[in-house]
Amino acid sequence: MSAGVKPTKTRLALLQAVAQDEVKQYRYVNYPSEFRWRESAGRRRVVTARIEDMLRAGWVEVGPPPGKSMYSARPVLLTDAGRAVLAASKETAS
């Protein structure tokens, strides 16, 4: 683990959501971007601070934009480090 980020229960749930393509970075021209988690039942939760922690730790990265427009929803992807954190948590839980 890097940047002092520990795999808490909430972060692990969010990493699992990233692995299932449920977290996106939403960008609008002239506005700050935000990260949202599309939870079950269609609810969306803003998780910008937690994802930014995981970006600094190297657990996730932001994928390429889907096209050119004033608005984009970029995927958030697991890195090798993020996959290792998830795998280690599953081993510990077993």
PDB file of N, CA and C in Angstrom:
ATOM      1  N   MET A   1       0.836  -1.174   0.000  1.00  0.00           N
ATOM      2  CA  MET A   1       0.000   0.000   0.000  1.00  0.00           C
ATOM      3  C   MET A   1       0.877   1.232   0.000  1.00  0.00           C
ATOM      4  N   SER A   2       0.422   2.210  -0.707  1.00  0.00           N
ATOM      5  CA  SER A   2       1.224   3.415  -0.774  1.00  0.00           C
ATOM      6  C   SER A   2       0.395   4.620  -0.358  1.00  0.00           C
ATOM      7  N   ALA A   3       1.066   5.705  -0.151  1.00  0.00           N
ATOM      8  CA  ALA A   3       0.460   6.988   0.197  1.00  0.00           C
ATOM      9  C   ALA A   3      -0.381   6.906   1.461  1.00  0.00           C
ATOM     10  N   GLY A   4      -0.073   5.969   2.359  1.00  0.00           N
ATOM     11  CA  GLY A   4      -0.769   5.887   3.631  1.00  0.00           C
ATOM     12  C   GLY A   4      -2.214   5.450   3.540  1.00  0.00           C
ATOM     13  N   VAL A   5      -2.655   4.921   2.413  1.00  0.00           N
ATOM     14  CA  VAL A   5      -4.037   4.487   2.254  1.00  0.00           C
ATOM     15  C   VAL A   5      -4.148   3.033   2.691  1.00  0.00           C
ATOM     16  N   LYS A   6      -5.086   2.787   3.599  1.00  0.00           N
ATOM     17  CA  LYS A   6      -5.293   1.423   4.094  1.00  0.00           C
ATOM     18  C   LYS A   6      -6.576   0.848   3.498  1.00  0.00           C
ATOM     19  N   PRO A   7      -6.618  -0.460   3.287  1.00  0.00           N
ATOM     20  CA  PRO A   7      -7.805  -1.082   2.678  1.00  0.00           C
ATOM     21  C   PRO A   7      -8.934  -1.265   3.694  1.00  0.00           C
ATOM     22  N   THR A   8      -9.651  -0.194   3.982  1.00  0.00           N
ATOM     23  CA  THR A   8     -10.789  -0.269   4.894  1.00  0.00           C
ATOM     24  C   THR A   8     -11.953  -0.985   4.211  1.00  0.00           C
ATOM     25  N   LYS A   9     -12.956  -1.312   4.985  1.00  0.00           N
ATOM     26  CA  LYS A   9     -14.132  -1.990   4.443  1.00  0.00           C
ATOM     27  C   LYS A   9     -14.792  -1.148   3.337  1.00  0.00           C
ATOM     28  N   THR A  10     -14.896   0.150   3.565  1.00  0.00           N
ATOM     29  CA  THR A  10     -15.502   1.044   2.572  1.00  0.00           C
ATOM     30  C   THR A  10     -14.652   1.121   1.310  1.00  0.00           C
ATOM     31  N   ARG A  11     -13.340   1.249   1.462  1.00  0.00           N
ATOM     32  CA  ARG A  11     -12.465   1.320   0.281  1.00  0.00           C
ATOM     33  C   ARG A  11     -12.495   0.015  -0.505  1.00  0.00           C
ATOM     34  N   LEU A  12     -12.548  -1.110   0.189  1.00  0.00           N
ATOM     35  CA  LEU A  12     -12.619  -2.405  -0.503  1.00  0.00           C
ATOM     36  C   LEU A  12     -13.927  -2.531  -1.278  1.00  0.00           C
ATOM     37  N   ALA A  13     -15.027  -2.073  -0.690  1.00  0.00           N
ATOM     38  CA  ALA A  13     -16.308  -2.101  -1.402  1.00  0.00           C
ATOM     39  C   ALA A  13     -16.245  -1.218  -2.646  1.00  0.00           C
ATOM     40  N   LEU A  14     -15.591  -0.076  -2.520  1.00  0.00           N
ATOM     41  CA  LEU A  14     -15.450   0.831  -3.658  1.00  0.00           C
ATOM     42  C   LEU A  14     -14.530   0.236  -4.723  1.00  0.00           C
ATOM     43  N   LEU A  15     -13.457  -0.416  -4.309  1.00  0.00           N
ATOM     44  CA  LEU A  15     -12.577  -1.099  -5.271  1.00  0.00           C
ATOM     45  C   LEU A  15     -13.343  -2.182  -6.022  1.00  0.00           C
ATOM     46  N   GLN A  16     -14.185  -2.919  -5.314  1.00  0.00           N
ATOM     47  CA  GLN A  16     -15.005  -3.947  -5.954  1.00  0.00           C
ATOM     48  C   GLN A  16     -15.957  -3.311  -6.965  1.00  0.00           C
ATOM     49  N   ALA A  17     -16.510  -2.162  -6.619  1.00  0.00           N
ATOM     50  CA  ALA A  17     -17.388  -1.434  -7.549  1.00  0.00           C
ATOM     51  C   ALA A  17     -16.618  -0.984  -8.785  1.00  0.00           C
ATOM     52  N   VAL A  18     -15.366  -0.549  -8.603  1.00  0.00           N
ATOM     53  CA  VAL A  18     -14.522  -0.178  -9.748  1.00  0.00           C
ATOM     54  C   VAL A  18     -14.314  -1.403 -10.637  1.00  0.00           C
ATOM     55  N   ALA A  19     -14.039  -2.543 -10.027  1.00  0.00           N
ATOM     56  CA  ALA A  19     -13.822  -3.774 -10.795  1.00  0.00           C
ATOM     57  C   ALA A  19     -15.066  -4.153 -11.602  1.00  0.00           C
ATOM     58  N   GLN A  20     -16.243  -3.776 -11.112  1.00  0.00           N
ATOM     59  CA  GLN A  20     -17.497  -4.096 -11.795  1.00  0.00           C
ATOM     60  C   GLN A  20     -17.986  -2.950 -12.693  1.00  0.00           C
ATOM     61  N   ASP A  21     -17.121  -1.976 -12.958  1.00  0.00           N
ATOM     62  CA  ASP A  21     -17.415  -0.850 -13.849  1.00  0.00           C
ATOM     63  C   ASP A  21     -18.604  -0.021 -13.360  1.00  0.00           C
ATOM     64  N   GLU A  22     -18.695   0.185 -12.048  1.00  0.00           N
ATOM     65  CA  GLU A  22     -19.785   0.954 -11.466  1.00  0.00           C
ATOM     66  C   GLU A  22     -19.363   2.357 -11.058  1.00  0.00           C
ATOM     67  N   VAL A  23     -18.091   2.723 -11.285  1.00  0.00           N
ATOM     68  CA  VAL A  23     -17.598   4.048 -10.881  1.00  0.00           C
ATOM     69  C   VAL A  23     -17.108   4.777 -12.127  1.00  0.00           C
ATOM     70  N   LYS A  24     -17.559   6.013 -12.276  1.00  0.00           N
ATOM     71  CA  LYS A  24     -17.184   6.828 -13.437  1.00  0.00           C
ATOM     72  C   LYS A  24     -16.730   8.210 -12.965  1.00  0.00           C
ATOM     73  N   GLN A  25     -15.885   8.826 -13.789  1.00  0.00           N
ATOM     74  CA  GLN A  25     -15.505  10.215 -13.573  1.00  0.00           C
ATOM     75  C   GLN A  25     -16.345  11.043 -14.534  1.00  0.00           C
ATOM     76  N   TYR A  26     -17.118  11.953 -13.986  1.00  0.00           N
ATOM     77  CA  TYR A  26     -17.952  12.827 -14.800  1.00  0.00           C
ATOM     78  C   TYR A  26     -17.270  14.169 -14.937  1.00  0.00           C
ATOM     79  N   ARG A  27     -17.124  14.624 -16.169  1.00  0.00           N
ATOM     80  CA  ARG A  27     -16.456  15.896 -16.451  1.00  0.00           C
ATOM     81  C   ARG A  27     -17.358  16.759 -17.316  1.00  0.00           C
ATOM     82  N   TYR A  28     -17.458  18.007 -16.923  1.00  0.00           N
ATOM     83  CA  TYR A  28     -18.189  19.010 -17.689  1.00  0.00           C
ATOM     84  C   TYR A  28     -17.215  20.138 -17.980  1.00  0.00           C
ATOM     85  N   VAL A  29     -17.320  20.737 -19.138  1.00  0.00           N
ATOM     86  CA  VAL A  29     -16.439  21.854 -19.487  1.00  0.00           C
ATOM     87  C   VAL A  29     -16.633  22.977 -18.464  1.00  0.00           C
ATOM     88  N   ASN A  30     -15.518  23.534 -17.990  1.00  0.00           N
ATOM     89  CA  ASN A  30     -15.491  24.655 -17.039  1.00  0.00           C
ATOM     90  C   ASN A  30     -15.998  24.318 -15.642  1.00  0.00           C
ATOM     91  N   TYR A  31     -16.141  23.051 -15.305  1.00  0.00           N
ATOM     92  CA  TYR A  31     -16.539  22.645 -13.958  1.00  0.00           C
ATOM     93  C   TYR A  31     -15.564  21.577 -13.467  1.00  0.00           C
ATOM     94  N   PRO A  32     -15.363  21.490 -12.153  1.00  0.00           N
ATOM     95  CA  PRO A  32     -14.501  20.414 -11.646  1.00  0.00           C
ATOM     96  C   PRO A  32     -15.162  19.060 -11.890  1.00  0.00           C
ATOM     97  N   SER A  33     -14.344  18.057 -12.077  1.00  0.00           N
ATOM     98  CA  SER A  33     -14.907  16.723 -12.291  1.00  0.00           C
ATOM     99  C   SER A  33     -15.297  16.114 -10.955  1.00  0.00           C
ATOM    100  N   GLU A  34     -16.132  15.079 -11.016  1.00  0.00           N
ATOM    101  CA  GLU A  34     -16.474  14.342  -9.812  1.00  0.00           C
ATOM    102  C   GLU A  34     -16.595  12.862 -10.160  1.00  0.00           C
ATOM    103  N   PHE A  35     -16.410  12.044  -9.159  1.00  0.00           N
ATOM    104  CA  PHE A  35     -16.509  10.605  -9.329  1.00  0.00           C
ATOM    105  C   PHE A  35     -17.805  10.136  -8.680  1.00  0.00           C
ATOM    106  N   ARG A  36     -18.548   9.289  -9.400  1.00  0.00           N
ATOM    107  CA  ARG A  36     -19.808   8.777  -8.875  1.00  0.00           C
ATOM    108  C   ARG A  36     -19.829   7.260  -8.963  1.00  0.00           C
ATOM    109  N   TRP A  37     -20.422   6.670  -7.937  1.00  0.00           N
ATOM    110  CA  TRP A  37     -20.592   5.218  -7.837  1.00  0.00           C
ATOM    111  C   TRP A  37     -22.057   4.920  -8.111  1.00  0.00           C
ATOM    112  N   ARG A  38     -22.321   4.144  -9.143  1.00  0.00           N
ATOM    113  CA  ARG A  38     -23.685   3.705  -9.453  1.00  0.00           C
ATOM    114  C   ARG A  38     -23.962   2.442  -8.651  1.00  0.00           C
ATOM    115  N   GLU A  39     -24.666   2.601  -7.564  1.00  0.00           N
ATOM    116  CA  GLU A  39     -24.952   1.474  -6.677  1.00  0.00           C
ATOM    117  C   GLU A  39     -26.152   0.692  -7.184  1.00  0.00           C
ATOM    118  N   SER A  40     -26.382  -0.450  -6.543  1.00  0.00           N
ATOM    119  CA  SER A  40     -27.559  -1.230  -6.896  1.00  0.00           C
ATOM    120  C   SER A  40     -28.798  -0.366  -6.658  1.00  0.00           C
ATOM    121  N   ALA A  41     -29.846  -0.673  -7.311  1.00  0.00           N
ATOM    122  CA  ALA A  41     -31.099   0.088  -7.256  1.00  0.00           C
ATOM    123  C   ALA A  41     -30.965   1.430  -7.968  1.00  0.00           C
ATOM    124  N   GLY A  42     -29.886   1.615  -8.748  1.00  0.00           N
ATOM    125  CA  GLY A  42     -29.746   2.798  -9.570  1.00  0.00           C
ATOM    126  C   GLY A  42     -29.321   4.077  -8.868  1.00  0.00           C
ATOM    127  N   ARG A  43     -29.102   4.016  -7.570  1.00  0.00           N
ATOM    128  CA  ARG A  43     -28.696   5.214  -6.838  1.00  0.00           C
ATOM    129  C   ARG A  43     -27.251   5.559  -7.154  1.00  0.00           C
ATOM    130  N   ARG A  44     -26.945   6.837  -7.239  1.00  0.00           N
ATOM    131  CA  ARG A  44     -25.570   7.291  -7.492  1.00  0.00           C
ATOM    132  C   ARG A  44     -25.060   8.028  -6.267  1.00  0.00           C
ATOM    133  N   ARG A  45     -23.847   7.696  -5.883  1.00  0.00           N
ATOM    134  CA  ARG A  45     -23.217   8.346  -4.733  1.00  0.00           C
ATOM    135  C   ARG A  45     -21.933   9.020  -5.189  1.00  0.00           C
ATOM    136  N   VAL A  46     -21.729  10.270  -4.777  1.00  0.00           N
ATOM    137  CA  VAL A  46     -20.499  10.982  -5.107  1.00  0.00           C
ATOM    138  C   VAL A  46     -19.391  10.458  -4.193  1.00  0.00           C
ATOM    139  N   VAL A  47     -18.292   9.987  -4.796  1.00  0.00           N
ATOM    140  CA  VAL A  47     -17.186   9.372  -4.039  1.00  0.00           C
ATOM    141  C   VAL A  47     -15.852  10.002  -4.439  1.00  0.00           C
ATOM    142  N   THR A  48     -15.870  11.271  -4.785  1.00  0.00           N
ATOM    143  CA  THR A  48     -14.695  11.949  -5.319  1.00  0.00           C
ATOM    144  C   THR A  48     -13.487  11.866  -4.392  1.00  0.00           C
ATOM    145  N   ALA A  49     -13.655  12.190  -3.114  1.00  0.00           N
ATOM    146  CA  ALA A  49     -12.509  12.196  -2.189  1.00  0.00           C
ATOM    147  C   ALA A  49     -11.894  10.805  -2.043  1.00  0.00           C
ATOM    148  N   ARG A  50     -12.733   9.787  -1.936  1.00  0.00           N
ATOM    149  CA  ARG A  50     -12.197   8.421  -1.773  1.00  0.00           C
ATOM    150  C   ARG A  50     -11.457   7.956  -3.028  1.00  0.00           C
ATOM    151  N   ILE A  51     -12.012   8.256  -4.193  1.00  0.00           N
ATOM    152  CA  ILE A  51     -11.336   7.860  -5.438  1.00  0.00           C
ATOM    153  C   ILE A  51     -10.035   8.629  -5.594  1.00  0.00           C
ATOM    154  N   GLU A  52     -10.020   9.906  -5.239  1.00  0.00           N
ATOM    155  CA  GLU A  52      -8.770  10.672  -5.329  1.00  0.00           C
ATOM    156  C   GLU A  52      -7.702  10.074  -4.416  1.00  0.00           C
ATOM    157  N   ASP A  53      -8.082   9.586  -3.228  1.00  0.00           N
ATOM    158  CA  ASP A  53      -7.126   8.877  -2.356  1.00  0.00           C
ATOM    159  C   ASP A  53      -6.575   7.647  -3.056  1.00  0.00           C
ATOM    160  N   MET A  54      -7.454   6.892  -3.705  1.00  0.00           N
ATOM    161  CA  MET A  54      -7.035   5.662  -4.388  1.00  0.00           C
ATOM    162  C   MET A  54      -6.184   5.961  -5.620  1.00  0.00           C
ATOM    163  N   LEU A  55      -6.453   7.092  -6.295  1.00  0.00           N
ATOM    164  CA  LEU A  55      -5.604   7.504  -7.418  1.00  0.00           C
ATOM    165  C   LEU A  55      -4.191   7.791  -6.923  1.00  0.00           C
ATOM    166  N   ARG A  56      -4.083   8.542  -5.818  1.00  0.00           N
ATOM    167  CA  ARG A  56      -2.756   8.857  -5.257  1.00  0.00           C
ATOM    168  C   ARG A  56      -2.029   7.595  -4.797  1.00  0.00           C
ATOM    169  N   ALA A  57      -2.782   6.619  -4.291  1.00  0.00           N
ATOM    170  CA  ALA A  57      -2.176   5.367  -3.835  1.00  0.00           C
ATOM    171  C   ALA A  57      -1.800   4.451  -4.997  1.00  0.00           C
ATOM    172  N   GLY A  58      -2.300   4.756  -6.198  1.00  0.00           N
ATOM    173  CA  GLY A  58      -1.987   3.924  -7.358  1.00  0.00           C
ATOM    174  C   GLY A  58      -2.886   2.712  -7.496  1.00  0.00           C
ATOM    175  N   TRP A  59      -4.015   2.689  -6.795  1.00  0.00           N
ATOM    176  CA  TRP A  59      -4.933   1.544  -6.861  1.00  0.00           C
ATOM    177  C   TRP A  59      -5.844   1.606  -8.069  1.00  0.00           C
ATOM    178  N   VAL A  60      -6.152   2.821  -8.538  1.00  0.00           N
ATOM    179  CA  VAL A  60      -7.047   3.001  -9.684  1.00  0.00           C
ATOM    180  C   VAL A  60      -6.461   4.045 -10.626  1.00  0.00           C
ATOM    181  N   GLU A  61      -6.997   4.065 -11.834  1.00  0.00           N
ATOM    182  CA  GLU A  61      -6.639   5.084 -12.817  1.00  0.00           C
ATOM    183  C   GLU A  61      -7.897   5.433 -13.602  1.00  0.00           C
ATOM    184  N   VAL A  62      -7.883   6.587 -14.239  1.00  0.00           N
ATOM    185  CA  VAL A  62      -9.026   7.019 -15.040  1.00  0.00           C
ATOM    186  C   VAL A  62      -8.761   6.629 -16.484  1.00  0.00           C
ATOM    187  N   GLY A  63      -9.746   5.978 -17.092  1.00  0.00           N
ATOM    188  CA  GLY A  63      -9.619   5.538 -18.473  1.00  0.00           C
ATOM    189  C   GLY A  63      -9.782   6.692 -19.451  1.00  0.00           C
ATOM    190  N   PRO A  64      -9.644   6.403 -20.721  1.00  0.00           N
ATOM    191  CA  PRO A  64      -9.754   7.450 -21.752  1.00  0.00           C
ATOM    192  C   PRO A  64     -11.195   7.927 -21.891  1.00  0.00           C
ATOM    193  N   PRO A  65     -11.363   9.152 -22.386  1.00  0.00           N
ATOM    194  CA  PRO A  65     -12.724   9.644 -22.597  1.00  0.00           C
ATOM    195  C   PRO A  65     -13.406   8.848 -23.708  1.00  0.00           C
ATOM    196  N   PRO A  66     -14.716   8.684 -23.618  1.00  0.00           N
ATOM    197  CA  PRO A  66     -15.420   7.888 -24.632  1.00  0.00           C
ATOM    198  C   PRO A  66     -15.555   8.590 -25.982  1.00  0.00           C
ATOM    199  N   GLY A  67     -15.322   9.879 -26.015  1.00  0.00           N
ATOM    200  CA  GLY A  67     -15.426  10.634 -27.266  1.00  0.00           C
ATOM    201  C   GLY A  67     -15.207  12.102 -26.982  1.00  0.00           C
ATOM    202  N   LYS A  68     -15.390  12.903 -27.988  1.00  0.00           N
ATOM    203  CA  LYS A  68     -15.196  14.348 -27.817  1.00  0.00           C
ATOM    204  C   LYS A  68     -16.558  15.009 -27.635  1.00  0.00           C
ATOM    205  N   SER A  69     -16.747  15.601 -26.472  1.00  0.00           N
ATOM    206  CA  SER A  69     -17.947  16.373 -26.224  1.00  0.00           C
ATOM    207  C   SER A  69     -17.686  17.278 -25.024  1.00  0.00           C
ATOM    208  N   MET A  70     -18.633  18.117 -24.716  1.00  0.00           N
ATOM    209  CA  MET A  70     -18.490  19.010 -23.565  1.00  0.00           C
ATOM    210  C   MET A  70     -18.675  18.240 -22.256  1.00  0.00           C
ATOM    211  N   TYR A  71     -19.202  17.042 -22.355  1.00  0.00           N
ATOM    212  CA  TYR A  71     -19.484  16.212 -21.194  1.00  0.00           C
ATOM    213  C   TYR A  71     -18.884  14.843 -21.448  1.00  0.00           C
ATOM    214  N   SER A  72     -18.296  14.255 -20.438  1.00  0.00           N
ATOM    215  CA  SER A  72     -17.804  12.890 -20.606  1.00  0.00           C
ATOM    216  C   SER A  72     -17.939  12.113 -19.308  1.00  0.00           C
ATOM    217  N   ALA A  73     -18.100  10.826 -19.451  1.00  0.00           N
ATOM    218  CA  ALA A  73     -18.147   9.913 -18.316  1.00  0.00           C
ATOM    219  C   ALA A  73     -17.035   8.888 -18.536  1.00  0.00           C
ATOM    220  N   ARG A  74     -15.895   9.125 -17.913  1.00  0.00           N
ATOM    221  CA  ARG A  74     -14.742   8.238 -18.101  1.00  0.00           C
ATOM    222  C   ARG A  74     -14.795   7.081 -17.110  1.00  0.00           C
ATOM    223  N   PRO A  75     -14.405   5.890 -17.543  1.00  0.00           N
ATOM    224  CA  PRO A  75     -14.379   4.768 -16.607  1.00  0.00           C
ATOM    225  C   PRO A  75     -13.220   4.902 -15.622  1.00  0.00           C
ATOM    226  N   VAL A  76     -13.419   4.394 -14.434  1.00  0.00           N
ATOM    227  CA  VAL A  76     -12.342   4.285 -13.448  1.00  0.00           C
ATOM    228  C   VAL A  76     -11.925   2.822 -13.472  1.00  0.00           C
ATOM    229  N   LEU A  77     -10.619   2.575 -13.608  1.00  0.00           N
ATOM    230  CA  LEU A  77     -10.095   1.227 -13.807  1.00  0.00           C
ATOM    231  C   LEU A  77      -9.161   0.829 -12.674  1.00  0.00           C
ATOM    232  N   LEU A  78      -9.148  -0.455 -12.346  1.00  0.00           N
ATOM    233  CA  LEU A  78      -8.188  -0.970 -11.368  1.00  0.00           C
ATOM    234  C   LEU A  78      -6.801  -1.035 -11.989  1.00  0.00           C
ATOM    235  N   THR A  79      -5.795  -0.730 -11.210  1.00  0.00           N
ATOM    236  CA  THR A  79      -4.409  -0.953 -11.617  1.00  0.00           C
ATOM    237  C   THR A  79      -3.991  -2.315 -11.060  1.00  0.00           C
ATOM    238  N   ASP A  80      -2.784  -2.745 -11.380  1.00  0.00           N
ATOM    239  CA  ASP A  80      -2.274  -3.995 -10.811  1.00  0.00           C
ATOM    240  C   ASP A  80      -2.246  -3.915  -9.283  1.00  0.00           C
ATOM    241  N   ALA A  81      -1.871  -2.751  -8.756  1.00  0.00           N
ATOM    242  CA  ALA A  81      -1.834  -2.568  -7.302  1.00  0.00           C
ATOM    243  C   ALA A  81      -3.230  -2.700  -6.700  1.00  0.00           C
ATOM    244  N   GLY A  82      -4.229  -2.140  -7.355  1.00  0.00           N
ATOM    245  CA  GLY A  82      -5.611  -2.245  -6.873  1.00  0.00           C
ATOM    246  C   GLY A  82      -6.115  -3.676  -6.896  1.00  0.00           C
ATOM    247  N   ARG A  83      -5.775  -4.410  -7.964  1.00  0.00           N
ATOM    248  CA  ARG A  83      -6.160  -5.823  -8.034  1.00  0.00           C
ATOM    249  C   ARG A  83      -5.488  -6.626  -6.924  1.00  0.00           C
ATOM    250  N   ALA A  84      -4.236  -6.285  -6.616  1.00  0.00           N
ATOM    251  CA  ALA A  84      -3.516  -6.977  -5.538  1.00  0.00           C
ATOM    252  C   ALA A  84      -4.167  -6.707  -4.182  1.00  0.00           C
ATOM    253  N   VAL A  85      -4.600  -5.475  -3.953  1.00  0.00           N
ATOM    254  CA  VAL A  85      -5.272  -5.132  -2.695  1.00  0.00           C
ATOM    255  C   VAL A  85      -6.564  -5.932  -2.568  1.00  0.00           C
ATOM    256  N   LEU A  86      -7.348  -6.002  -3.651  1.00  0.00           N
ATOM    257  CA  LEU A  86      -8.594  -6.768  -3.614  1.00  0.00           C
ATOM    258  C   LEU A  86      -8.327  -8.259  -3.386  1.00  0.00           C
ATOM    259  N   ALA A  87      -7.334  -8.793  -4.080  1.00  0.00           N
ATOM    260  CA  ALA A  87      -7.006 -10.217  -3.921  1.00  0.00           C
ATOM    261  C   ALA A  87      -6.552 -10.515  -2.501  1.00  0.00           C
ATOM    262  N   ALA A  88      -5.734  -9.657  -1.923  1.00  0.00           N
ATOM    263  CA  ALA A  88      -5.248  -9.864  -0.557  1.00  0.00           C
ATOM    264  C   ALA A  88      -6.406  -9.820   0.433  1.00  0.00           C
ATOM    265  N   SER A  89      -7.368  -8.940   0.196  1.00  0.00           N
ATOM    266  CA  SER A  89      -8.509  -8.852   1.112  1.00  0.00           C
ATOM    267  C   SER A  89      -9.368 -10.092   1.044  1.00  0.00           C
ATOM    268  N   LYS A  90      -9.488 -10.670  -0.135  1.00  0.00           N
ATOM    269  CA  LYS A  90     -10.284 -11.896  -0.287  1.00  0.00           C
ATOM    270  C   LYS A  90      -9.594 -13.078   0.359  1.00  0.00           C
ATOM    271  N   GLU A  91      -8.260 -13.118   0.278  1.00  0.00           N
ATOM    272  CA  GLU A  91      -7.492 -14.194   0.935  1.00  0.00           C
ATOM    273  C   GLU A  91      -7.621 -14.104   2.442  1.00  0.00           C
ATOM    274  N   THR A  92      -7.575 -12.871   2.966  1.00  0.00           N
ATOM    275  CA  THR A  92      -7.676 -12.657   4.404  1.00  0.00           C
ATOM    276  C   THR A  92      -9.050 -13.027   4.910  1.00  0.00           C
ATOM    277  N   ALA A  93     -10.082 -12.771   4.086  1.00  0.00           N
ATOM    278  CA  ALA A  93     -11.463 -13.056   4.489  1.00  0.00           C
ATOM    279  C   ALA A  93     -11.755 -14.559   4.484  1.00  0.00           C
ATOM    280  N   SER A  94     -10.971 -15.327   3.750  1.00  0.00           N
ATOM    281  CA  SER A  94     -11.221 -16.778   3.647  1.00  0.00           C
ATOM    282  C   SER A  94     -10.755 -17.519   4.879  1.00  0.00           C
TER     283      SER A  94
END
